[in-house]
Amino acid sequence: MSYTTTTRLALQKAVPGTSQPFETSVINSNWDKVDAEAVAVNTRVAAVETTIAGGSVNAANTATSATTATTAAKATRITASGLDRLVFVAATAPSSGMVAGDIWIKA
């Protein structure tokens, strides 16, 4: 008769083939651990939801949109001598809008 434990919550579980009987105190202890973990996860999720509702994520989206607009404003099309290329000037490579043959100049 013996138990082994799970990795994360250290729940006790009977080892197959050892004839370990189910014990009410062990089962209740396992459920208490499961419940405590659910409460902890709920607390973390509530904190993230509060951050989102507080506008932090929306502020990040606004900043990203402004950066994209600035990068797009620094793009110039070159069409001289049959060349048709878009030149981007930015601190980082554009995440979209470039096609094969376009040029990125690191600012």
PDB file of N, CA and C in Angstrom:
ATOM      1  N   MET A   1       0.847  -1.173   0.000  1.00  0.00           N
ATOM      2  CA  MET A   1       0.000   0.000   0.000  1.00  0.00           C
ATOM      3  C   MET A   1       0.895   1.239   0.000  1.00  0.00           C
ATOM      4  N   SER A   2       0.658   2.105  -1.014  1.00  0.00           N
ATOM      5  CA  SER A   2       1.448   3.335  -1.033  1.00  0.00           C
ATOM      6  C   SER A   2       0.794   4.385  -1.917  1.00  0.00           C
ATOM      7  N   TYR A   3       1.268   5.612  -1.694  1.00  0.00           N
ATOM      8  CA  TYR A   3       0.821   6.752  -2.478  1.00  0.00           C
ATOM      9  C   TYR A   3       1.999   7.312  -3.266  1.00  0.00           C
ATOM     10  N   THR A   4       1.663   8.021  -4.329  1.00  0.00           N
ATOM     11  CA  THR A   4       2.614   8.859  -5.045  1.00  0.00           C
ATOM     12  C   THR A   4       1.962  10.230  -5.135  1.00  0.00           C
ATOM     13  N   THR A   5       2.732  11.270  -5.452  1.00  0.00           N
ATOM     14  CA  THR A   5       2.143  12.617  -5.515  1.00  0.00           C
ATOM     15  C   THR A   5       2.269  13.195  -6.910  1.00  0.00           C
ATOM     16  N   THR A   6       1.334  14.078  -7.226  1.00  0.00           N
ATOM     17  CA  THR A   6       1.382  14.774  -8.508  1.00  0.00           C
ATOM     18  C   THR A   6       2.411  15.899  -8.431  1.00  0.00           C
ATOM     19  N   THR A   7       2.875  16.339  -9.582  1.00  0.00           N
ATOM     20  CA  THR A   7       3.955  17.311  -9.644  1.00  0.00           C
ATOM     21  C   THR A   7       3.563  18.687  -9.146  1.00  0.00           C
ATOM     22  N   ARG A   8       2.515  19.269  -9.657  1.00  0.00           N
ATOM     23  CA  ARG A   8       2.192  20.665  -9.346  1.00  0.00           C
ATOM     24  C   ARG A   8       1.520  20.850  -7.987  1.00  0.00           C
ATOM     25  N   LEU A   9       0.478  20.111  -7.728  1.00  0.00           N
ATOM     26  CA  LEU A   9      -0.304  20.333  -6.515  1.00  0.00           C
ATOM     27  C   LEU A   9       0.035  19.370  -5.381  1.00  0.00           C
ATOM     28  N   ALA A  10       0.908  18.412  -5.647  1.00  0.00           N
ATOM     29  CA  ALA A  10       1.277  17.402  -4.651  1.00  0.00           C
ATOM     30  C   ALA A  10       0.052  16.651  -4.126  1.00  0.00           C
ATOM     31  N   LEU A  11      -0.868  16.345  -5.050  1.00  0.00           N
ATOM     32  CA  LEU A  11      -2.032  15.539  -4.678  1.00  0.00           C
ATOM     33  C   LEU A  11      -1.563  14.110  -4.454  1.00  0.00           C
ATOM     34  N   GLN A  12      -2.141  13.455  -3.467  1.00  0.00           N
ATOM     35  CA  GLN A  12      -1.785  12.057  -3.226  1.00  0.00           C
ATOM     36  C   GLN A  12      -2.678  11.169  -4.065  1.00  0.00           C
ATOM     37  N   LYS A  13      -2.039  10.194  -4.710  1.00  0.00           N
ATOM     38  CA  LYS A  13      -2.826   9.233  -5.471  1.00  0.00           C
ATOM     39  C   LYS A  13      -2.259   7.834  -5.214  1.00  0.00           C
ATOM     40  N   ALA A  14      -3.150   6.879  -5.172  1.00  0.00           N
ATOM     41  CA  ALA A  14      -2.754   5.504  -4.883  1.00  0.00           C
ATOM     42  C   ALA A  14      -1.947   4.940  -6.046  1.00  0.00           C
ATOM     43  N   VAL A  15      -0.899   4.196  -5.713  1.00  0.00           N
ATOM     44  CA  VAL A  15      -0.100   3.524  -6.732  1.00  0.00           C
ATOM     45  C   VAL A  15      -0.848   2.251  -7.140  1.00  0.00           C
ATOM     46  N   PRO A  16      -1.129   2.099  -8.448  1.00  0.00           N
ATOM     47  CA  PRO A  16      -1.850   0.902  -8.890  1.00  0.00           C
ATOM     48  C   PRO A  16      -1.108  -0.380  -8.471  1.00  0.00           C
ATOM     49  N   GLY A  17      -1.873  -1.364  -8.055  1.00  0.00           N
ATOM     50  CA  GLY A  17      -1.304  -2.656  -7.699  1.00  0.00           C
ATOM     51  C   GLY A  17      -0.807  -2.756  -6.267  1.00  0.00           C
ATOM     52  N   THR A  18      -0.906  -1.661  -5.491  1.00  0.00           N
ATOM     53  CA  THR A  18      -0.423  -1.711  -4.104  1.00  0.00           C
ATOM     54  C   THR A  18      -1.548  -1.942  -3.107  1.00  0.00           C
ATOM     55  N   SER A  19      -2.756  -2.062  -3.576  1.00  0.00           N
ATOM     56  CA  SER A  19      -3.927  -2.263  -2.730  1.00  0.00           C
ATOM     57  C   SER A  19      -4.144  -1.125  -1.734  1.00  0.00           C
ATOM     58  N   GLN A  20      -3.711   0.063  -2.101  1.00  0.00           N
ATOM     59  CA  GLN A  20      -3.915   1.236  -1.244  1.00  0.00           C
ATOM     60  C   GLN A  20      -5.403   1.578  -1.236  1.00  0.00           C
ATOM     61  N   PRO A  21      -6.037   1.573  -0.052  1.00  0.00           N
ATOM     62  CA  PRO A  21      -7.462   1.906   0.002  1.00  0.00           C
ATOM     63  C   PRO A  21      -7.674   3.420  -0.129  1.00  0.00           C
ATOM     64  N   PHE A  22      -8.851   3.814  -0.587  1.00  0.00           N
ATOM     65  CA  PHE A  22      -9.192   5.227  -0.627  1.00  0.00           C
ATOM     66  C   PHE A  22      -9.460   5.692   0.795  1.00  0.00           C
ATOM     67  N   GLU A  23      -8.864   6.808   1.164  1.00  0.00           N
ATOM     68  CA  GLU A  23      -9.042   7.337   2.503  1.00  0.00           C
ATOM     69  C   GLU A  23      -9.712   8.704   2.406  1.00  0.00           C
ATOM     70  N   THR A  24     -10.763   8.887   3.174  1.00  0.00           N
ATOM     71  CA  THR A  24     -11.515  10.139   3.154  1.00  0.00           C
ATOM     72  C   THR A  24     -10.615  11.334   3.432  1.00  0.00           C
ATOM     73  N   SER A  25      -9.713  11.242   4.384  1.00  0.00           N
ATOM     74  CA  SER A  25      -8.852  12.379   4.728  1.00  0.00           C
ATOM     75  C   SER A  25      -7.931  12.757   3.565  1.00  0.00           C
ATOM     76  N   VAL A  26      -7.455  11.772   2.809  1.00  0.00           N
ATOM     77  CA  VAL A  26      -6.583  12.034   1.663  1.00  0.00           C
ATOM     78  C   VAL A  26      -7.387  12.679   0.535  1.00  0.00           C
ATOM     79  N   ILE A  27      -8.559  12.145   0.265  1.00  0.00           N
ATOM     80  CA  ILE A  27      -9.417  12.709  -0.789  1.00  0.00           C
ATOM     81  C   ILE A  27      -9.800  14.149  -0.440  1.00  0.00           C
ATOM     82  N   ASN A  28     -10.174  14.401   0.815  1.00  0.00           N
ATOM     83  CA  ASN A  28     -10.535  15.761   1.224  1.00  0.00           C
ATOM     84  C   ASN A  28      -9.342  16.708   1.107  1.00  0.00           C
ATOM     85  N   SER A  29      -8.172  16.258   1.488  1.00  0.00           N
ATOM     86  CA  SER A  29      -6.964  17.077   1.365  1.00  0.00           C
ATOM     87  C   SER A  29      -6.681  17.413  -0.103  1.00  0.00           C
ATOM     88  N   ASN A  30      -6.835  16.420  -0.974  1.00  0.00           N
ATOM     89  CA  ASN A  30      -6.635  16.665  -2.409  1.00  0.00           C
ATOM     90  C   ASN A  30      -7.593  17.736  -2.919  1.00  0.00           C
ATOM     91  N   TRP A  31      -8.872  17.634  -2.547  1.00  0.00           N
ATOM     92  CA  TRP A  31      -9.852  18.619  -3.014  1.00  0.00           C
ATOM     93  C   TRP A  31      -9.563  20.006  -2.453  1.00  0.00           C
ATOM     94  N   ASP A  32      -9.067  20.082  -1.217  1.00  0.00           N
ATOM     95  CA  ASP A  32      -8.689  21.380  -0.652  1.00  0.00           C
ATOM     96  C   ASP A  32      -7.571  22.022  -1.470  1.00  0.00           C
ATOM     97  N   LYS A  33      -6.621  21.210  -1.911  1.00  0.00           N
ATOM     98  CA  LYS A  33      -5.515  21.727  -2.743  1.00  0.00           C
ATOM     99  C   LYS A  33      -6.029  22.195  -4.107  1.00  0.00           C
ATOM    100  N   VAL A  34      -6.933  21.433  -4.694  1.00  0.00           N
ATOM    101  CA  VAL A  34      -7.528  21.817  -5.982  1.00  0.00           C
ATOM    102  C   VAL A  34      -8.288  23.131  -5.832  1.00  0.00           C
ATOM    103  N   ASP A  35      -9.069  23.242  -4.771  1.00  0.00           N
ATOM    104  CA  ASP A  35      -9.839  24.459  -4.525  1.00  0.00           C
ATOM    105  C   ASP A  35      -8.916  25.664  -4.326  1.00  0.00           C
ATOM    106  N   ALA A  36      -7.857  25.496  -3.554  1.00  0.00           N
ATOM    107  CA  ALA A  36      -6.914  26.597  -3.314  1.00  0.00           C
ATOM    108  C   ALA A  36      -6.260  27.046  -4.616  1.00  0.00           C
ATOM    109  N   GLU A  37      -5.933  26.105  -5.488  1.00  0.00           N
ATOM    110  CA  GLU A  37      -5.339  26.458  -6.781  1.00  0.00           C
ATOM    111  C   GLU A  37      -6.343  27.215  -7.644  1.00  0.00           C
ATOM    112  N   ALA A  38      -7.606  26.797  -7.625  1.00  0.00           N
ATOM    113  CA  ALA A  38      -8.637  27.497  -8.400  1.00  0.00           C
ATOM    114  C   ALA A  38      -8.807  28.931  -7.900  1.00  0.00           C
ATOM    115  N   VAL A  39      -8.768  29.129  -6.601  1.00  0.00           N
ATOM    116  CA  VAL A  39      -8.876  30.478  -6.034  1.00  0.00           C
ATOM    117  C   VAL A  39      -7.671  31.326  -6.478  1.00  0.00           C
ATOM    118  N   ALA A  40      -6.474  30.750  -6.448  1.00  0.00           N
ATOM    119  CA  ALA A  40      -5.271  31.480  -6.858  1.00  0.00           C
ATOM    120  C   ALA A  40      -5.337  31.876  -8.337  1.00  0.00           C
ATOM    121  N   VAL A  41      -5.784  30.957  -9.182  1.00  0.00           N
ATOM    122  CA  VAL A  41      -5.915  31.253 -10.614  1.00  0.00           C
ATOM    123  C   VAL A  41      -6.957  32.348 -10.821  1.00  0.00           C
ATOM    124  N   ASN A  42      -8.079  32.280 -10.120  1.00  0.00           N
ATOM    125  CA  ASN A  42      -9.124  33.292 -10.242  1.00  0.00           C
ATOM    126  C   ASN A  42      -8.591  34.675  -9.850  1.00  0.00           C
ATOM    127  N   THR A  43      -7.764  34.726  -8.804  1.00  0.00           N
ATOM    128  CA  THR A  43      -7.178  35.999  -8.365  1.00  0.00           C
ATOM    129  C   THR A  43      -6.280  36.576  -9.447  1.00  0.00           C
ATOM    130  N   ARG A  44      -5.454  35.712 -10.068  1.00  0.00           N
ATOM    131  CA  ARG A  44      -4.559  36.185 -11.130  1.00  0.00           C
ATOM    132  C   ARG A  44      -5.353  36.666 -12.351  1.00  0.00           C
ATOM    133  N   VAL A  45      -6.387  35.939 -12.719  1.00  0.00           N
ATOM    134  CA  VAL A  45      -7.216  36.334 -13.868  1.00  0.00           C
ATOM    135  C   VAL A  45      -7.918  37.664 -13.580  1.00  0.00           C
ATOM    136  N   ALA A  46      -8.428  37.837 -12.373  1.00  0.00           N
ATOM    137  CA  ALA A  46      -9.097  39.090 -12.007  1.00  0.00           C
ATOM    138  C   ALA A  46      -8.132  40.267 -12.105  1.00  0.00           C
ATOM    139  N   ALA A  47      -6.874  40.065 -11.707  1.00  0.00           N
ATOM    140  CA  ALA A  47      -5.880  41.138 -11.802  1.00  0.00           C
ATOM    141  C   ALA A  47      -5.610  41.513 -13.254  1.00  0.00           C
ATOM    142  N   VAL A  48      -5.543  40.531 -14.130  1.00  0.00           N
ATOM    143  CA  VAL A  48      -5.327  40.804 -15.555  1.00  0.00           C
ATOM    144  C   VAL A  48      -6.535  41.526 -16.142  1.00  0.00           C
ATOM    145  N   GLU A  49      -7.729  41.099 -15.767  1.00  0.00           N
ATOM    146  CA  GLU A  49      -8.943  41.752 -16.264  1.00  0.00           C
ATOM    147  C   GLU A  49      -8.999  43.203 -15.808  1.00  0.00           C
ATOM    148  N   THR A  50      -8.561  43.479 -14.586  1.00  0.00           N
ATOM    149  CA  THR A  50      -8.542  44.854 -14.080  1.00  0.00           C
ATOM    150  C   THR A  50      -7.563  45.701 -14.884  1.00  0.00           C
ATOM    151  N   THR A  51      -6.403  45.132 -15.202  1.00  0.00           N
ATOM    152  CA  THR A  51      -5.406  45.845 -16.012  1.00  0.00           C
ATOM    153  C   THR A  51      -5.970  46.172 -17.389  1.00  0.00           C
ATOM    154  N   ILE A  52      -6.645  45.212 -17.991  1.00  0.00           N
ATOM    155  CA  ILE A  52      -7.233  45.432 -19.322  1.00  0.00           C
ATOM    156  C   ILE A  52      -8.312  46.508 -19.242  1.00  0.00           C
ATOM    157  N   ALA A  53      -9.178  46.410 -18.248  1.00  0.00           N
ATOM    158  CA  ALA A  53     -10.253  47.384 -18.099  1.00  0.00           C
ATOM    159  C   ALA A  53      -9.699  48.770 -17.783  1.00  0.00           C
ATOM    160  N   GLY A  54      -8.542  48.833 -17.123  1.00  0.00           N
ATOM    161  CA  GLY A  54      -7.925  50.113 -16.771  1.00  0.00           C
ATOM    162  C   GLY A  54      -7.298  50.827 -17.950  1.00  0.00           C
ATOM    163  N   GLY A  55      -7.234  50.163 -19.089  1.00  0.00           N
ATOM    164  CA  GLY A  55      -6.762  50.833 -20.291  1.00  0.00           C
ATOM    165  C   GLY A  55      -5.324  50.567 -20.656  1.00  0.00           C
ATOM    166  N   SER A  56      -4.595  49.801 -19.875  1.00  0.00           N
ATOM    167  CA  SER A  56      -3.191  49.549 -20.203  1.00  0.00           C
ATOM    168  C   SER A  56      -3.041  48.898 -21.568  1.00  0.00           C
ATOM    169  N   VAL A  57      -3.873  47.913 -21.852  1.00  0.00           N
ATOM    170  CA  VAL A  57      -3.785  47.238 -23.140  1.00  0.00           C
ATOM    171  C   VAL A  57      -4.221  48.188 -24.255  1.00  0.00           C
ATOM    172  N   ASN A  58      -5.267  48.968 -24.022  1.00  0.00           N
ATOM    173  CA  ASN A  58      -5.712  49.919 -25.037  1.00  0.00           C
ATOM    174  C   ASN A  58      -4.635  50.973 -25.307  1.00  0.00           C
ATOM    175  N   ALA A  59      -3.932  51.417 -24.267  1.00  0.00           N
ATOM    176  CA  ALA A  59      -2.856  52.387 -24.454  1.00  0.00           C
ATOM    177  C   ALA A  59      -1.748  51.794 -25.303  1.00  0.00           C
ATOM    178  N   ALA A  60      -1.435  50.520 -25.080  1.00  0.00           N
ATOM    179  CA  ALA A  60      -0.402  49.859 -25.882  1.00  0.00           C
ATOM    180  C   ALA A  60      -0.838  49.764 -27.338  1.00  0.00           C
ATOM    181  N   ASN A  61      -2.112  49.475 -27.586  1.00  0.00           N
ATOM    182  CA  ASN A  61      -2.611  49.422 -28.964  1.00  0.00           C
ATOM    183  C   ASN A  61      -2.522  50.788 -29.635  1.00  0.00           C
ATOM    184  N   THR A  62      -2.845  51.843 -28.898  1.00  0.00           N
ATOM    185  CA  THR A  62      -2.768  53.195 -29.448  1.00  0.00           C
ATOM    186  C   THR A  62      -1.330  53.536 -29.812  1.00  0.00           C
ATOM    187  N   ALA A  63      -0.378  53.197 -28.934  1.00  0.00           N
ATOM    188  CA  ALA A  63       1.037  53.464 -29.207  1.00  0.00           C
ATOM    189  C   ALA A  63       1.503  52.691 -30.430  1.00  0.00           C
ATOM    190  N   THR A  64       1.062  51.450 -30.558  1.00  0.00           N
ATOM    191  CA  THR A  64       1.435  50.647 -31.719  1.00  0.00           C
ATOM    192  C   THR A  64       0.882  51.261 -33.000  1.00  0.00           C
ATOM    193  N   SER A  65      -0.357  51.710 -32.967  1.00  0.00           N
ATOM    194  CA  SER A  65      -0.955  52.342 -34.145  1.00  0.00           C
ATOM    195  C   SER A  65      -0.204  53.611 -34.517  1.00  0.00           C
ATOM    196  N   ALA A  66       0.182  54.406 -33.528  1.00  0.00           N
ATOM    197  CA  ALA A  66       0.921  55.639 -33.799  1.00  0.00           C
ATOM    198  C   ALA A  66       2.272  55.329 -34.417  1.00  0.00           C
ATOM    199  N   THR A  67       2.942  54.295 -33.915  1.00  0.00           N
ATOM    200  CA  THR A  67       4.241  53.902 -34.463  1.00  0.00           C
ATOM    201  C   THR A  67       4.090  53.433 -35.900  1.00  0.00           C
ATOM    202  N   THR A  68       3.064  52.642 -36.159  1.00  0.00           N
ATOM    203  CA  THR A  68       2.821  52.163 -37.519  1.00  0.00           C
ATOM    204  C   THR A  68       2.561  53.330 -38.460  1.00  0.00           C
ATOM    205  N   ALA A  69       1.783  54.298 -38.016  1.00  0.00           N
ATOM    206  CA  ALA A  69       1.486  55.467 -38.850  1.00  0.00           C
ATOM    207  C   ALA A  69       2.760  56.260 -39.126  1.00  0.00           C
ATOM    208  N   THR A  70       3.612  56.416 -38.106  1.00  0.00           N
ATOM    209  CA  THR A  70       4.863  57.150 -38.283  1.00  0.00           C
ATOM    210  C   THR A  70       5.761  56.422 -39.273  1.00  0.00           C
ATOM    211  N   THR A  71       5.875  55.107 -39.138  1.00  0.00           N
ATOM    212  CA  THR A  71       6.702  54.320 -40.049  1.00  0.00           C
ATOM    213  C   THR A  71       6.173  54.447 -41.474  1.00  0.00           C
ATOM    214  N   ALA A  72       4.860  54.356 -41.621  1.00  0.00           N
ATOM    215  CA  ALA A  72       4.270  54.453 -42.956  1.00  0.00           C
ATOM    216  C   ALA A  72       4.534  55.824 -43.565  1.00  0.00           C
ATOM    217  N   ALA A  73       4.546  56.878 -42.734  1.00  0.00           N
ATOM    218  CA  ALA A  73       4.777  58.228 -43.249  1.00  0.00           C
ATOM    219  C   ALA A  73       6.210  58.392 -43.737  1.00  0.00           C
ATOM    220  N   LYS A  74       7.117  57.545 -43.271  1.00  0.00           N
ATOM    221  CA  LYS A  74       8.508  57.640 -43.682  1.00  0.00           C
ATOM    222  C   LYS A  74       8.821  56.698 -44.839  1.00  0.00           C
ATOM    223  N   ALA A  75       7.813  56.186 -45.489  1.00  0.00           N
ATOM    224  CA  ALA A  75       8.011  55.322 -46.642  1.00  0.00           C
ATOM    225  C   ALA A  75       7.874  56.153 -47.911  1.00  0.00           C
ATOM    226  N   THR A  76       8.799  55.982 -48.820  1.00  0.00           N
ATOM    227  CA  THR A  76       8.803  56.744 -50.068  1.00  0.00           C
ATOM    228  C   THR A  76       8.935  55.786 -51.243  1.00  0.00           C
ATOM    229  N   ARG A  77       8.178  56.044 -52.296  1.00  0.00           N
ATOM    230  CA  ARG A  77       8.251  55.194 -53.477  1.00  0.00           C
ATOM    231  C   ARG A  77       9.243  55.790 -54.473  1.00  0.00           C
ATOM    232  N   ILE A  78      10.125  54.916 -54.965  1.00  0.00           N
ATOM    233  CA  ILE A  78      11.106  55.325 -55.984  1.00  0.00           C
ATOM    234  C   ILE A  78      10.661  54.717 -57.305  1.00  0.00           C
ATOM    235  N   THR A  79      10.504  55.565 -58.328  1.00  0.00           N
ATOM    236  CA  THR A  79      10.036  55.057 -59.621  1.00  0.00           C
ATOM    237  C   THR A  79      10.964  55.461 -60.765  1.00  0.00           C
ATOM    238  N   ALA A  80      12.151  55.944 -60.443  1.00  0.00           N
ATOM    239  CA  ALA A  80      13.081  56.401 -61.491  1.00  0.00           C
ATOM    240  C   ALA A  80      13.628  55.231 -62.302  1.00  0.00           C
ATOM    241  N   SER A  81      13.862  55.450 -63.577  1.00  0.00           N
ATOM    242  CA  SER A  81      14.485  54.480 -64.489  1.00  0.00           C
ATOM    243  C   SER A  81      13.815  53.105 -64.462  1.00  0.00           C
ATOM    244  N   GLY A  82      12.499  53.099 -64.409  1.00  0.00           N
ATOM    245  CA  GLY A  82      11.777  51.831 -64.432  1.00  0.00           C
ATOM    246  C   GLY A  82      11.805  51.087 -63.108  1.00  0.00           C
ATOM    247  N   LEU A  83      12.442  51.670 -62.106  1.00  0.00           N
ATOM    248  CA  LEU A  83      12.511  51.054 -60.790  1.00  0.00           C
ATOM    249  C   LEU A  83      11.243  51.402 -60.024  1.00  0.00           C
ATOM    250  N   ASP A  84      10.613  50.430 -59.436  1.00  0.00           N
ATOM    251  CA  ASP A  84       9.406  50.685 -58.648  1.00  0.00           C
ATOM    252  C   ASP A  84       9.586  50.011 -57.291  1.00  0.00           C
ATOM    253  N   ARG A  85      10.230  50.712 -56.375  1.00  0.00           N
ATOM    254  CA  ARG A  85      10.541  50.161 -55.050  1.00  0.00           C
ATOM    255  C   ARG A  85      10.068  51.108 -53.970  1.00  0.00           C
ATOM    256  N   LEU A  86       9.665  50.539 -52.847  1.00  0.00           N
ATOM    257  CA  LEU A  86       9.272  51.326 -51.692  1.00  0.00           C
ATOM    258  C   LEU A  86      10.447  51.330 -50.729  1.00  0.00           C
ATOM    259  N   VAL A  87      10.832  52.518 -50.244  1.00  0.00           N
ATOM    260  CA  VAL A  87      11.934  52.656 -49.307  1.00  0.00           C
ATOM    261  C   VAL A  87      11.362  53.031 -47.946  1.00  0.00           C
ATOM    262  N   PHE A  88      11.668  52.233 -46.935  1.00  0.00           N
ATOM    263  CA  PHE A  88      11.225  52.475 -45.567  1.00  0.00           C
ATOM    264  C   PHE A  88      12.410  52.989 -44.759  1.00  0.00           C
ATOM    265  N   VAL A  89      12.198  54.025 -43.965  1.00  0.00           N
ATOM    266  CA  VAL A  89      13.220  54.530 -43.055  1.00  0.00           C
ATOM    267  C   VAL A  89      12.630  54.439 -41.653  1.00  0.00           C
ATOM    268  N   ALA A  90      13.202  53.543 -40.850  1.00  0.00           N
ATOM    269  CA  ALA A  90      12.672  53.317 -39.503  1.00  0.00           C
ATOM    270  C   ALA A  90      13.737  52.647 -38.645  1.00  0.00           C
ATOM    271  N   ALA A  91      13.563  52.695 -37.335  1.00  0.00           N
ATOM    272  CA  ALA A  91      14.517  52.085 -36.409  1.00  0.00           C
ATOM    273  C   ALA A  91      14.482  50.563 -36.500  1.00  0.00           C
ATOM    274  N   THR A  92      13.321  49.997 -36.818  1.00  0.00           N
ATOM    275  CA  THR A  92      13.192  48.547 -36.964  1.00  0.00           C
ATOM    276  C   THR A  92      12.529  48.237 -38.293  1.00  0.00           C
ATOM    277  N   ALA A  93      12.746  47.027 -38.759  1.00  0.00           N
ATOM    278  CA  ALA A  93      12.157  46.623 -40.033  1.00  0.00           C
ATOM    279  C   ALA A  93      10.640  46.666 -39.941  1.00  0.00           C
ATOM    280  N   PRO A  94       9.970  47.148 -40.970  1.00  0.00           N
ATOM    281  CA  PRO A  94       8.510  47.176 -40.970  1.00  0.00           C
ATOM    282  C   PRO A  94       7.954  45.764 -40.840  1.00  0.00           C
ATOM    283  N   SER A  95       6.913  45.616 -40.041  1.00  0.00           N
ATOM    284  CA  SER A  95       6.317  44.289 -39.852  1.00  0.00           C
ATOM    285  C   SER A  95       5.349  43.951 -40.982  1.00  0.00           C
ATOM    286  N   SER A  96       4.948  44.935 -41.759  1.00  0.00           N
ATOM    287  CA  SER A  96       4.059  44.664 -42.884  1.00  0.00           C
ATOM    288  C   SER A  96       4.259  45.751 -43.933  1.00  0.00           C
ATOM    289  N   GLY A  97       3.751  45.507 -45.109  1.00  0.00           N
ATOM    290  CA  GLY A  97       3.808  46.500 -46.173  1.00  0.00           C
ATOM    291  C   GLY A  97       4.972  46.324 -47.129  1.00  0.00           C
ATOM    292  N   MET A  98       5.991  45.570 -46.719  1.00  0.00           N
ATOM    293  CA  MET A  98       7.143  45.367 -47.604  1.00  0.00           C
ATOM    294  C   MET A  98       6.899  44.161 -48.500  1.00  0.00           C
ATOM    295  N   VAL A  99       7.404  44.259 -49.730  1.00  0.00           N
ATOM    296  CA  VAL A  99       7.379  43.130 -50.659  1.00  0.00           C
ATOM    297  C   VAL A  99       8.790  42.949 -51.191  1.00  0.00           C
ATOM    298  N   ALA A 100       9.030  41.843 -51.854  1.00  0.00           N
ATOM    299  CA  ALA A 100      10.362  41.558 -52.397  1.00  0.00           C
ATOM    300  C   ALA A 100      10.836  42.727 -53.252  1.00  0.00           C
ATOM    301  N   GLY A 101      12.067  43.163 -53.017  1.00  0.00           N
ATOM    302  CA  GLY A 101      12.642  44.270 -53.763  1.00  0.00           C
ATOM    303  C   GLY A 101      12.556  45.597 -53.064  1.00  0.00           C
ATOM    304  N   ASP A 102      11.683  45.745 -52.029  1.00  0.00           N
ATOM    305  CA  ASP A 102      11.594  46.979 -51.280  1.00  0.00           C
ATOM    306  C   ASP A 102      12.857  47.140 -50.429  1.00  0.00           C
ATOM    307  N   ILE A 103      13.117  48.341 -49.973  1.00  0.00           N
ATOM    308  CA  ILE A 103      14.347  48.653 -49.258  1.00  0.00           C
ATOM    309  C   ILE A 103      13.991  49.191 -47.878  1.00  0.00           C
ATOM    310  N   TRP A 104      14.736  48.732 -46.860  1.00  0.00           N
ATOM    311  CA  TRP A 104      14.581  49.256 -45.497  1.00  0.00           C
ATOM    312  C   TRP A 104      15.907  49.862 -45.071  1.00  0.00           C
ATOM    313  N   ILE A 105      15.872  51.108 -44.671  1.00  0.00           N
ATOM    314  CA  ILE A 105      17.064  51.803 -44.170  1.00  0.00           C
ATOM    315  C   ILE A 105      16.866  52.007 -42.679  1.00  0.00           C
ATOM    316  N   LYS A 106      17.807  51.477 -41.894  1.00  0.00           N
ATOM    317  CA  LYS A 106      17.702  51.607 -40.439  1.00  0.00           C
ATOM    318  C   LYS A 106      18.042  53.036 -40.049  1.00  0.00           C
ATOM    319  N   ALA A 107      17.086  53.700 -39.368  1.00  0.00           N
ATOM    320  CA  ALA A 107      17.279  55.095 -38.961  1.00  0.00           C
ATOM    321  C   ALA A 107      18.057  55.168 -37.668  1.00  0.00           C
TER     322      ALA A 107
END
